[in-house]
Amino acid sequence: MEPNPALDMVISEVAELRPLPMVAVRVLEISEGERFSAHELAQTIATDQALTSKVLRLSNSAYYGFPRRISTVRDAVVLLGFRAVRSATLASCVIDTLPGGEVLDPVEAWRFSVTVGLLAEVMARATRLHQDEAFTAGVIHNIGRLALDQQRPRELAAARVLAAQRGITIPEAQRAVLGFTDAELGGALALHWNFPTDLAEAVAGHQLDVDHLPDPKSVTAQVIRARMFARASGITDGYEDRLTRDRAGREWAEPPIGPALAQSGGLDGILQKVAAFIENAAGGNR
């Protein structure tokens, strides 16, 4: 992207008012490839009492449905897996950092994002691609819109009105009103928070046409397709309308994605997991 002073201003405001917690910064630094990464992850989460409580609540909830009680973060990492705990921790931290503002209903907005994350994870599992990143990418994909809701709520609302009045897309209306889109802001914010480049690209590119992506198997493509299916199923953040089913739903009924979705309990099973995640890991945003 070319330099954009208006976008940079919002980034600096969010950075000052809503910095990502240090525990999340450290969790981002811990990769599955590091030696003793599981031990480091557990130790890092344990330094934050509130986050530890959330991780344990989530670990013992219907979100995972684990048969035995999990009493320590170390047990959660060992029994549920490094990837699962790391992704859930990052998602919880981001939800707390951007709790919503005046235009979006925060619960509705985060339910949509977590739904997209779980659907992207289903797709990743079915295709065996981007299994480390898919859930997190889906959950954080809408952070730019949530940031605008906090810092530029009037402009965010005005863009929606303009899109309806002129029959143009939300991104077109946002560029007219703000000079940038919420997706572009989200991608820049993800980079500012030191999220990996592929996650930041998925956030910045979630409004693109999936048929014209350079890599149709990228994590960006997974997020776009998960987002389309969620909206086609009537699940939105309240800012955009639902989509028609047609193509957005067909691939989710066919192999390899259809069986993977069925294994997760179908869309109803996904929504049950979303409710459990919001209830146990979303802090005061319930």
Foldseek 3Di string as FASTA:
>chain_A
DPDDVLLVVLLVVLCVPQNQDPLLLVLLVQDPPDVCSLVVNQVSQVVDPVSFQLLQLLLPFPLPPDPDHDDGSSSSCVVVHVLVSSLLSNLLRLCVRLLAADPFQSLLQQLLQQQLLVLLCLVCVQVVHPNSCRNNLSRLLQSLVSSCRHVPVVLLVQLLVVCVVVVHDSQVSSCVRRVGHSLCSSLVSCVVSVRDNLSSCLSNQLPDDLVPDPDNRGSNVSSNLSSLLCLCVVRDRPSDHRDPCPPSPVVCCDPPNVVSCVVCVHSVSSSVSSVSSCVRRNPPSD
